[in-house]
Amino acid sequence: MSALQTLAADAVQLKGNLGSIGYGLAAIGPGVGVGIIFGNGTQALARQPEAAGLIRANQILGFVLCEALALIGLVMPFVYPYK
């Protein structure tokens, strides 16, 4: 097997792995977003405990939106597979 054929075979293997790496990198964004949401929500609850209901509702809404982005990123490789 020549060096070019070996390189081509390795490139075919690499294509399947790049999707996993890409999703792993894309999952960092929602992870950071969830951390910011709950960190700031905890600070807000400490400063104004009487607004706990409103703050908690906004935290849950932000969490759901961040996780929806992560789930969309997980589903997209199956919707648009590499050809």
Protein backbone atom coordinates (compact mmCIF):
# COMPACT_ATOMS: atom_id res chain seq x y z
CA MET A 1 0.00 0.00 0.00
CA SER A 2 1.47 3.33 -1.00
CA ALA A 3 1.73 6.32 1.29
CA LEU A 4 -1.01 8.12 -0.66
CA GLN A 5 -3.43 5.22 -0.27
CA THR A 6 -2.68 5.03 3.46
CA LEU A 7 -3.30 8.76 3.81
CA ALA A 8 -6.60 8.48 1.90
CA ALA A 9 -7.72 5.57 4.11
CA ASP A 10 -6.88 7.57 7.24
CA ALA A 11 -8.82 10.56 5.92
CA VAL A 12 -11.93 8.39 5.48
CA GLN A 13 -11.66 7.25 9.10
CA LEU A 14 -11.16 10.81 10.28
CA LYS A 15 -14.42 12.06 8.74
CA GLY A 16 -16.52 10.01 11.15
CA ASN A 17 -14.57 11.26 14.15
CA LEU A 18 -14.77 14.95 13.25
CA GLY A 19 -18.52 15.01 13.90
CA SER A 20 -17.94 13.80 17.45
CA ILE A 21 -15.22 16.36 18.05
CA GLY A 22 -17.39 19.10 16.56
CA TYR A 23 -20.33 18.25 18.82
CA GLY A 24 -18.04 18.12 21.82
CA LEU A 25 -16.79 21.62 21.06
CA ALA A 26 -20.32 22.83 20.36
CA ALA A 27 -21.51 21.52 23.74
CA ILE A 28 -19.15 23.93 25.51
CA GLY A 29 -21.41 26.89 24.66
CA PRO A 30 -24.57 25.61 26.33
CA GLY A 31 -22.49 24.40 29.27
CA VAL A 32 -21.07 27.87 29.81
CA GLY A 33 -24.53 29.38 29.31
CA VAL A 34 -26.08 27.17 31.98
CA GLY A 35 -23.27 28.06 34.39
CA ILE A 36 -23.79 31.77 33.83
CA ILE A 37 -27.57 31.44 34.22
CA PHE A 38 -27.44 29.63 37.54
CA GLY A 39 -24.50 31.67 38.85
CA ASN A 40 -26.26 34.95 38.23
CA GLY A 41 -29.55 33.51 39.45
CA THR A 42 -27.95 32.54 42.75
CA GLN A 43 -26.54 36.03 43.15
CA ALA A 44 -29.94 37.54 42.38
CA LEU A 45 -31.65 35.30 44.93
CA ALA A 46 -29.09 36.31 47.56
CA ARG A 47 -29.71 40.00 46.87
CA GLN A 48 -33.51 39.88 46.58
CA PRO A 49 -35.00 36.80 48.23
CA GLU A 50 -38.53 38.20 47.87
CA ALA A 51 -38.28 37.87 44.07
CA ALA A 52 -37.47 34.15 44.24
CA GLY A 53 -40.45 33.04 42.12
CA LEU A 54 -39.69 35.36 39.22
CA ILE A 55 -35.95 34.70 39.32
CA ARG A 56 -36.45 30.93 39.42
CA ALA A 57 -38.89 31.06 36.49
CA ASN A 58 -36.40 33.04 34.42
CA GLN A 59 -33.62 30.62 35.38
CA ILE A 60 -35.63 27.64 34.20
CA LEU A 61 -36.55 29.38 30.94
CA GLY A 62 -32.90 30.22 30.24
CA PHE A 63 -31.83 26.67 31.12
CA VAL A 64 -34.40 25.19 28.73
CA LEU A 65 -33.27 27.43 25.87
CA CYS A 66 -29.60 26.56 26.41
CA GLU A 67 -30.31 22.85 26.55
CA ALA A 68 -32.48 23.08 23.43
CA LEU A 69 -29.45 24.40 21.55
CA ALA A 70 -27.39 21.48 22.80
CA LEU A 71 -30.04 18.98 21.71
CA ILE A 72 -30.31 20.60 18.28
CA GLY A 73 -26.55 20.22 17.94
CA LEU A 74 -26.86 16.56 18.87
CA VAL A 75 -29.62 15.86 16.33
CA MET A 76 -28.22 17.77 13.33
CA PRO A 77 -25.61 15.15 12.33
CA PHE A 78 -28.43 12.61 12.04
CA VAL A 79 -30.67 14.96 10.05
CA TYR A 80 -27.90 16.02 7.64
CA PRO A 81 -25.45 13.11 7.54
CA TYR A 82 -22.11 13.43 5.78
CA LYS A 83 -22.24 11.99 2.26
